[in-house]
Protein backbone atom coordinates (compact mmCIF):
# COMPACT_ATOMS: atom_id res chain seq x y z
CA MET A 1 10.70 26.59 -29.48
CA LEU A 2 11.61 23.23 -31.00
CA ARG A 3 13.92 22.50 -28.08
CA LEU A 4 11.13 23.32 -25.64
CA LEU A 5 8.87 20.99 -27.64
CA ALA A 6 11.54 18.29 -27.49
CA SER A 7 11.83 18.77 -23.72
CA ALA A 8 8.08 18.54 -23.30
CA ALA A 9 7.92 15.45 -25.50
CA PHE A 10 10.72 13.84 -23.46
CA GLY A 11 8.75 14.57 -20.30
CA VAL A 12 5.67 12.95 -21.81
CA VAL A 13 7.79 9.91 -22.74
CA ILE A 14 8.88 9.57 -19.10
CA GLY A 15 5.33 10.18 -17.87
CA SER A 16 3.88 7.54 -20.21
CA LEU A 17 6.43 4.98 -19.03
CA LEU A 18 5.50 5.77 -15.44
CA VAL A 19 1.81 5.37 -16.27
CA THR A 20 2.60 1.99 -17.85
CA LEU A 21 4.63 1.01 -14.79
CA LEU A 22 1.75 2.09 -12.55
CA GLY A 23 -0.43 -0.53 -14.19
CA SER A 24 -2.15 1.21 -17.10
CA PRO A 25 -0.29 0.06 -20.25
CA ASP A 26 -3.41 0.52 -22.41
CA THR A 27 -3.11 4.25 -21.74
CA GLY A 28 0.64 4.61 -21.28
CA MET A 29 1.92 2.82 -24.39
CA PRO A 30 -0.11 4.79 -26.99
CA ILE A 31 1.01 8.03 -25.33
CA PHE A 32 4.59 6.71 -25.38
CA GLY A 33 4.39 5.92 -29.09
CA VAL A 34 3.18 9.40 -30.04
CA SER A 35 5.51 11.28 -27.68
CA ILE A 36 8.67 9.39 -28.66
CA THR A 37 7.90 10.15 -32.32
CA VAL A 38 7.43 13.84 -31.57
CA PHE A 39 10.63 13.85 -29.51
CA VAL A 40 12.73 12.27 -32.28
CA ILE A 41 11.30 14.60 -34.93
CA ALA A 42 11.82 17.69 -32.75
CA VAL A 43 15.42 16.75 -31.94
CA THR A 44 16.19 15.97 -35.59
CA VAL A 45 14.66 19.19 -36.89
CA THR A 46 16.39 21.18 -34.14
CA ARG A 47 19.79 19.77 -35.08
CA LEU A 48 19.17 20.46 -38.74
CA ALA A 49 17.84 23.94 -38.10
CA SER A 50 20.79 24.92 -35.93
CA GLY A 51 23.16 24.18 -38.79
CA LEU A 52 21.07 25.23 -41.77
CA SER A 53 19.36 28.38 -40.53
CA ALA A 54 22.29 30.66 -41.32
CA SER A 55 22.65 29.10 -44.78
CA ILE A 56 19.03 29.60 -45.81
CA PRO A 57 18.75 33.38 -45.82
CA SER A 58 15.48 35.06 -46.47
CA PRO A 59 14.97 36.47 -49.99
CA ALA A 60 14.67 39.90 -48.40
CA ALA A 61 18.12 39.58 -46.78
CA VAL A 62 19.67 38.55 -50.11
CA GLN A 63 18.00 41.42 -51.97
CA GLU A 64 19.11 43.90 -49.31
CA ALA A 65 22.71 42.74 -49.72
CA ARG A 66 22.41 43.10 -53.50
CA ASP A 67 20.98 46.60 -53.18
CA ALA A 68 23.79 47.59 -50.81
CA ARG A 69 26.37 46.03 -53.15
CA ARG A 70 27.72 43.83 -50.38
CA LEU A 71 29.26 41.43 -52.85
CA GLY A 72 32.34 39.29 -53.02
CA ARG A 73 34.06 36.29 -54.50
CA ALA A 74 34.26 32.97 -52.63
CA ARG A 75 36.47 29.98 -53.30
CA ILE A 76 35.27 26.48 -52.41
CA ASP A 77 38.06 24.96 -50.32
CA SER A 78 36.41 21.65 -49.45
CA VAL A 79 33.03 19.97 -49.19
CA ARG A 80 32.10 17.36 -46.57
CA GLN A 81 28.87 15.44 -46.30
CA THR A 82 27.33 15.49 -42.83
CA GLY A 83 25.52 12.17 -43.31
CA THR A 84 22.13 13.89 -43.28
CA PHE A 85 19.84 13.92 -46.29
CA ILE A 86 16.79 16.10 -46.89
CA ASN A 87 14.55 15.03 -49.76
CA GLU A 88 17.34 12.62 -50.73
CA GLN A 89 19.77 15.53 -51.16
CA PRO A 90 22.93 15.63 -48.99
CA VAL A 91 23.49 18.26 -46.34
CA CYS A 92 27.12 19.36 -46.62
CA ASP A 93 29.63 21.53 -44.79
CA VAL A 94 31.23 23.80 -47.40
CA ASP A 95 34.52 25.45 -46.44
CA VAL A 96 34.88 28.76 -48.27
CA THR A 97 37.33 31.64 -48.35
CA VAL A 98 35.66 34.99 -49.12
CA MET A 99 37.10 38.15 -50.62
CA ALA A 100 34.71 41.11 -50.37
CA LEU A 101 34.55 44.07 -52.76
CA THR A 102 35.53 46.21 -49.77
CA GLY A 103 38.85 44.39 -49.58
CA GLU A 104 38.10 42.28 -46.49
CA ALA A 105 38.81 38.56 -46.58
CA TRP A 106 37.88 35.75 -44.21
CA ALA A 107 37.26 32.03 -44.09
CA THR A 108 34.12 30.33 -42.87
CA THR A 109 32.12 27.13 -43.17
CA VAL A 110 28.62 27.12 -44.61
CA ARG A 111 26.26 24.22 -44.01
CA LYS A 112 23.78 23.84 -46.83
CA ILE A 113 21.80 21.39 -48.88
CA VAL A 114 23.79 20.61 -52.02
CA PRO A 115 21.60 19.06 -54.75
CA LEU A 116 23.33 16.16 -56.46
CA THR A 117 22.88 17.87 -59.81
CA GLU A 118 24.85 20.90 -58.52
CA LEU A 119 27.85 19.04 -57.08
CA PRO A 120 30.20 20.25 -59.87
CA ALA A 121 29.59 23.84 -58.69
CA TYR A 122 30.96 22.90 -55.27
CA GLN A 123 34.22 21.26 -56.27
CA SER A 124 37.37 22.35 -54.45
CA GLY A 125 38.99 25.35 -56.15
CA VAL A 126 35.79 26.60 -57.80
CA GLU A 127 35.21 30.34 -57.29
CA ARG A 128 31.70 31.80 -57.21
CA ASP A 129 30.01 35.14 -56.67
CA VAL A 130 28.44 35.67 -53.25
CA VAL A 131 26.31 38.27 -51.52
CA ILE A 132 27.48 39.20 -48.02
CA LEU A 133 24.43 39.33 -45.79
CA LEU A 134 26.00 41.52 -43.09
CA ASP A 135 28.93 43.92 -43.14
CA GLY A 136 32.01 41.91 -42.35
CA GLY A 137 30.24 38.60 -42.79
CA PRO A 138 30.69 35.81 -42.17
CA GLU A 139 27.25 34.91 -43.56
CA VAL A 140 27.22 34.67 -47.35
CA ALA A 141 24.86 33.32 -50.00
CA PHE A 142 25.99 32.07 -53.40
CA ALA A 143 24.65 34.37 -56.12
CA ASP A 144 26.31 33.76 -59.48
CA GLY A 145 26.27 36.59 -61.99
CA GLU A 146 26.35 39.47 -59.51
CA LEU A 147 29.90 40.61 -60.26
CA SER A 148 31.11 42.09 -63.51
CA PRO A 149 34.12 40.52 -65.28
CA ALA A 150 36.22 43.51 -64.19
CA GLU A 151 35.21 43.06 -60.56
CA ILE A 152 35.94 39.35 -60.71
CA GLU A 153 39.38 40.03 -62.15
CA SER A 154 40.14 42.54 -59.40
CA LEU A 155 39.21 40.17 -56.58
CA VAL A 156 41.97 37.71 -55.75
CA VAL A 157 40.90 35.26 -53.09
CA PRO A 158 43.87 34.67 -50.74
CA PRO A 159 44.87 31.26 -49.37
CA ARG A 160 42.65 30.06 -46.53
CA SER A 161 45.58 29.83 -44.16
CA GLU A 162 46.30 33.55 -44.51
CA VAL A 163 42.90 34.92 -43.47
CA GLU A 164 40.87 35.08 -40.28
CA MET A 165 38.47 32.23 -39.57
CA ARG A 166 35.03 33.66 -38.83
CA PRO A 167 32.61 30.91 -37.80
CA ILE A 168 28.90 31.44 -38.32
CA PRO A 169 27.14 31.51 -34.93
CA PRO A 170 25.09 28.31 -34.75
CA GLY A 171 21.32 28.56 -34.79
CA THR A 172 21.30 32.12 -36.18
CA ARG A 173 20.01 33.63 -39.39
CA VAL A 174 20.09 37.07 -40.98
CA ASP A 175 16.78 38.90 -41.15
CA LYS A 176 16.09 42.61 -41.72
CA GLY A 177 19.75 43.51 -41.51
CA ARG A 178 20.33 41.78 -38.16
CA ARG A 179 21.63 38.46 -36.98
CA ARG A 180 18.85 36.79 -35.11
CA GLY A 181 19.23 33.78 -32.87
CA PRO A 182 16.69 31.36 -31.39
CA LEU A 183 14.34 32.47 -28.63
CA ILE A 184 16.50 30.51 -26.21
CA GLY A 185 20.21 30.70 -27.00
CA ILE A 186 22.40 27.68 -27.65
CA GLY A 187 25.85 28.97 -26.73
CA ARG A 188 27.80 28.24 -23.57
CA ARG A 189 26.63 31.42 -21.93
CA GLY A 190 23.50 30.76 -19.92
CA ARG A 191 23.69 26.99 -20.47
CA PRO A 192 22.92 26.06 -16.82
CA LEU A 193 19.80 28.25 -16.87
CA ARG A 194 18.66 26.75 -20.18
CA LEU A 195 19.15 23.22 -18.89
CA LEU A 196 17.11 24.15 -15.83
CA VAL A 197 14.30 25.48 -18.04
CA PHE A 198 14.34 22.37 -20.24
CA ALA A 199 14.33 20.11 -17.17
CA LEU A 200 11.42 22.07 -15.67
CA VAL A 201 9.43 21.76 -18.89
CA ALA A 202 10.10 18.01 -18.98
CA VAL A 203 9.06 17.57 -15.35
CA LEU A 204 5.85 19.57 -15.87
CA ALA A 205 5.00 17.54 -18.98
CA ALA A 206 5.63 14.26 -17.16
CA GLY A 207 3.56 15.49 -14.24
CA ALA A 208 0.66 16.38 -16.53
CA VAL A 209 0.62 12.81 -17.86
CA VAL A 210 0.92 11.18 -14.44
CA LEU A 211 -1.48 13.55 -12.63
CA PRO A 212 -4.67 11.65 -13.57
CA PHE A 213 -2.98 8.54 -12.14
CA ARG A 214 -1.81 10.16 -8.90
CA GLU A 215 -3.75 7.66 -6.78
CA ALA A 216 -2.05 4.80 -8.60
CA ALA A 217 1.28 6.54 -8.05
CA GLY A 218 0.68 6.76 -4.33
CA LEU A 219 -0.33 3.10 -4.15
CA SER A 220 2.69 2.05 -6.21
CA LEU A 221 5.08 4.01 -4.01
CA ALA A 222 3.56 2.35 -0.96
CA ALA A 223 3.93 -1.06 -2.60
CA TRP A 224 7.56 -0.40 -3.55
CA SER A 225 8.34 0.70 0.00
CA GLU A 226 7.11 -2.72 1.15
CA GLY A 227 9.27 -4.54 -1.38
CA ARG A 228 6.48 -5.28 -3.86
CA TRP A 229 6.81 -4.36 -7.54
CA SER A 230 3.10 -3.86 -8.17
CA VAL A 231 -0.06 -2.80 -6.38
CA ASP A 232 -2.28 -5.59 -5.04
CA MET A 233 -5.87 -4.35 -4.88
CA ARG A 234 -6.76 -7.05 -2.36
CA ARG A 235 -4.70 -5.35 0.33
CA PRO A 236 -6.47 -3.01 2.79
CA ASP A 237 -4.91 0.31 1.76
CA ALA A 238 -5.45 -0.25 -1.97
CA LEU A 239 -8.99 -1.56 -1.47
CA LEU A 240 -9.91 1.43 0.70
CA THR A 241 -8.64 3.80 -1.99
CA ALA A 242 -10.66 1.97 -4.64
CA GLU A 243 -13.77 2.11 -2.45
CA ARG A 244 -13.51 5.90 -2.02
CA SER A 245 -12.94 6.49 -5.73
CA LEU A 246 -15.77 4.21 -6.82
CA GLU A 247 -18.26 5.70 -4.35
CA GLU A 248 -17.39 9.19 -5.56
CA ALA A 249 -17.75 8.22 -9.23
CA ILE A 250 -20.98 6.23 -8.77
CA GLY A 251 -22.56 8.83 -6.49
CA HIS A 252 -23.70 6.49 -3.71
CA ASP A 253 -22.44 3.55 -1.62
CA ARG A 254 -24.86 0.84 -2.77
CA VAL A 255 -23.58 -2.17 -4.73
CA VAL A 256 -24.92 -5.51 -5.95
CA SER A 257 -21.53 -7.21 -6.15
CA ILE A 258 -17.84 -6.47 -5.65
CA THR A 259 -15.11 -8.45 -7.42
CA VAL A 260 -11.53 -7.89 -6.29
CA ILE A 261 -8.68 -9.15 -8.45
CA PRO A 262 -4.98 -8.37 -7.94
CA ASP A 263 -4.96 -5.38 -10.30
CA ALA A 264 -8.56 -4.10 -10.22
CA VAL A 265 -11.82 -3.77 -8.34
CA ILE A 266 -14.98 -4.41 -10.39
CA VAL A 267 -18.34 -3.30 -9.02
CA ASN A 268 -21.92 -3.78 -10.15
CA ALA A 269 -23.90 -0.86 -8.73
CA PRO A 270 -27.46 0.41 -9.27
CA ILE A 271 -27.82 3.53 -11.36
CA ARG A 272 -29.38 5.09 -8.26
CA VAL A 273 -30.21 3.91 -4.75
CA GLY A 274 -33.16 1.53 -4.84
CA ALA A 275 -33.14 1.04 -8.61
CA ILE A 276 -32.85 -2.42 -10.11
CA GLU A 277 -31.01 -1.29 -13.23
CA THR A 278 -27.31 -1.92 -12.62
CA ASP A 279 -24.12 -0.73 -14.28
CA GLU A 280 -20.56 -2.03 -14.12
CA TRP A 281 -17.69 0.13 -12.83
CA THR A 282 -13.97 -0.68 -12.68
CA TYR A 283 -11.16 0.82 -10.63
CA ARG A 284 -7.75 0.09 -12.20
CA ALA A 285 -4.41 1.91 -12.03
CA GLY A 286 -5.87 4.78 -10.04
CA ARG A 287 -8.75 5.51 -12.40
CA VAL A 288 -12.44 4.63 -12.49
CA SER A 289 -14.09 3.55 -15.73
CA HIS A 290 -17.83 3.26 -16.32
CA ASP A 291 -18.30 0.12 -18.41
CA GLY A 292 -22.05 0.36 -19.11
CA PRO A 293 -24.86 -1.99 -18.09
CA ALA A 294 -23.78 -5.01 -16.07
CA SER A 295 -23.94 -8.35 -17.87
CA GLY A 296 -26.11 -9.83 -15.11
CA GLN A 297 -28.98 -7.69 -13.81
CA PRO A 298 -30.43 -8.22 -10.30
CA GLN A 299 -34.07 -9.23 -9.97
CA VAL A 300 -34.91 -7.32 -6.79
CA ALA A 301 -33.53 -4.17 -5.17
CA GLU A 302 -32.89 -6.11 -1.95
CA GLU A 303 -29.82 -7.66 -3.60
CA GLN A 304 -28.01 -4.38 -2.95
CA PHE A 305 -25.82 -3.78 0.07
CA SER A 306 -23.46 -1.06 1.29
CA TRP A 307 -19.67 -1.09 1.22
CA SER A 308 -19.78 -0.56 4.98
CA ASP A 309 -21.70 -3.82 5.43
CA VAL A 310 -18.53 -5.76 4.63
CA ALA A 311 -15.20 -5.74 6.49
CA LEU A 312 -13.08 -5.25 3.38
CA GLU A 313 -9.93 -4.76 5.43
CA ARG A 314 -10.19 -8.42 6.52
CA ILE A 315 -9.95 -9.81 2.99
CA TRP A 316 -6.16 -9.90 2.70
CA PRO A 317 -5.55 -11.35 6.19
CA ALA A 318 -8.11 -14.05 5.37
CA ILE A 319 -6.36 -14.86 2.09
CA GLU A 320 -3.01 -15.13 3.90
CA LYS A 321 -4.57 -17.37 6.56
CA ALA A 322 -6.22 -19.59 3.93
CA SER A 323 -2.93 -19.85 2.05
CA ALA A 324 -1.10 -20.89 5.21
CA GLN A 325 -3.76 -23.50 6.05
CA SER A 326 -3.99 -25.00 2.57
CA GLY A 327 -0.42 -24.61 1.41
CA LEU A 328 -1.73 -23.01 -1.78
CA PRO A 329 -0.36 -19.72 -3.16
CA ALA A 330 -2.36 -16.51 -2.80
CA ASP A 331 -1.23 -15.18 -6.18
CA GLY A 332 -4.13 -14.50 -8.50
CA ALA A 333 -6.90 -15.24 -6.01
CA THR A 334 -10.12 -13.47 -6.97
CA VAL A 335 -12.50 -12.34 -4.24
CA SER A 336 -16.25 -12.19 -4.91
CA ILE A 337 -18.57 -10.30 -2.55
CA ARG A 338 -22.33 -10.49 -2.81
CA ARG A 339 -25.37 -11.33 -0.75
CA THR A 340 -26.05 -14.99 -0.05
CA THR A 341 -29.14 -16.78 -1.31
CA ASP A 342 -32.44 -16.92 0.56
CA THR A 343 -33.17 -20.68 1.07
CA ASP A 344 -36.52 -20.29 2.85
CA LEU A 345 -39.10 -22.01 0.66
CA ASP A 346 -41.88 -19.90 2.14
CA SER A 347 -40.11 -16.58 1.64
CA PRO A 348 -41.20 -14.26 -1.20
CA THR A 349 -37.52 -13.80 -2.00
CA PHE A 350 -36.73 -17.53 -2.12
CA ASN A 351 -33.65 -18.27 -4.20
CA ARG A 352 -32.81 -14.56 -4.43
CA SER A 353 -29.49 -13.12 -3.25
CA VAL A 354 -30.94 -11.10 -0.39
CA GLU A 355 -29.32 -12.58 2.72
CA ALA A 356 -26.25 -11.24 4.54
CA PRO A 357 -23.27 -10.38 2.30
CA GLU A 358 -20.49 -12.93 2.12
CA MET A 359 -16.96 -12.96 0.72
CA SER A 360 -15.61 -15.95 -1.19
CA PHE A 361 -12.36 -16.76 -2.95
CA GLY A 362 -10.36 -19.70 -4.25
CA LEU A 363 -6.70 -20.67 -4.11
CA ARG A 364 -5.06 -23.03 -6.58
CA ASP A 365 -1.83 -24.37 -7.97
CA ASP A 366 -1.08 -26.70 -10.86
CA TYR A 367 -2.44 -29.75 -9.05
CA ARG A 368 -5.30 -28.76 -6.76
CA ASP A 369 -7.58 -25.96 -5.66
CA GLN A 370 -9.48 -24.96 -2.53
CA PHE A 371 -12.40 -22.58 -2.03
CA PHE A 372 -13.12 -20.49 1.04
CA ARG A 373 -15.98 -18.40 2.41
CA LEU A 374 -15.70 -15.46 4.79
CA ASP A 375 -18.58 -13.83 6.60
CA ALA A 376 -19.25 -10.08 6.29
CA THR A 377 -17.39 -9.33 9.53
CA GLY A 378 -14.28 -11.10 8.25
CA THR A 379 -13.99 -13.33 11.34
CA ASP A 380 -15.42 -16.68 10.18
CA LEU A 381 -13.20 -18.25 7.52
CA ARG A 382 -14.45 -21.60 6.20
CA ALA A 383 -13.06 -24.01 3.61
CA THR A 384 -15.88 -25.17 1.33
CA GLY A 385 -14.26 -27.81 -0.82
C-alpha cells in the first residue's frame, strides 16, 4: 500500500508542476510541497519496511515458536550499518549462522535496529539463543535464555562457509505460522505488471490534479503548438474560452467592464441582469474565481452591455496593428472594455458611461508610450496620444 501511496504522490507531484506550468502557481506550488513530502516519506518508509519487516516479528509469532520449541543457537558473523537511523539508533545488517535444535544449520542476514547500548551483544563471534519463526527458517528472532546449558553445549554452530545461505525474502514477515508478503509483491516475478499498475496510479493522480485546469491545459497545448511558452488571454481562442467560462459562472452575459491582461480576464458583472450591484470575477489558468463586490460600483444599470456587443476577436489583430504602426512592443498591453461617456449636457445620463462600448489599450517601452481606442466592431483603430 505504501508503494501505491508513493506512486499516487509522485503523480500529484507531476500534476502540481503541470498546474504551475499552466499558469496557476498559487495552486500548484502548495500542492507540490505537500505531495513531494508525502512521496519522500512513503518511499523512505517503504524501503525501511521492506528490510525490517522480517526482523520485527509479531509477539504472537515469537510465542508460537517458543511453544513449538523451534529454538536454536546463532553466531554473529558480522554487523554492518546501513546508514539509516531510526530514533537515532542505527539500522544494521547482521550476518548470522544458525544451528537449530533439530540439527539443521543455515546462514542468513537479518536487518534490524541495533540500539547503541546493545552493540556488545552483536559483536562478531558472539553466540545467542534464537527462536526459529518457521520450520527451516531462515527467519529468526534473538531470544536469550531460551536454551538450557545442556542444549547450548550440544549445539555447535558450524562455519558460515559450510552451510547453505538462506536469504530472507524481502518485504515479508511471519504471522500466524505463515510467511506473508506485501499486497503487491516486490520480486522479479510480475515486475512489468506492477510497474504498469504504479504508472497507472501515478497517471490517474496527476490527472485528478490537472482535471480542474483542463481548459488551461488545452489553451497551453494550443500555445505550445504555435511556438509560445504561455497562454495569452488577449488572443481570440483564449478570450473566447474565458468568455464562455465566465458567462457560465456568472449566470448571464451582462457586464459593466472587461479587462484583458496577458494572463487573465477580469470582469465586473451585475449580480443579476438589470441590477446595479456589481461583483468582480476573474478567469485565470482555466478557472473562474468570484472575487466579491467590485471596487467601483456603477451608478445606473445602463452602464451594462453584453459580451456579444463587442468584437472580442478583433482585439489581438488591433494590438498587432498598433504595435506595427507605433513600433512599440505588444507585451504586457492591457485592454479595457467599457461603455463610453454620455457628453450630452441635456441628457439625464450626462457624464455616465452609457454610450456604445469601446475598447482601449496602451503600448509602451522604456522611453515612450502610446494609447489606442478601438470601436465595438473592431474596425476603427485610433491613436489617442
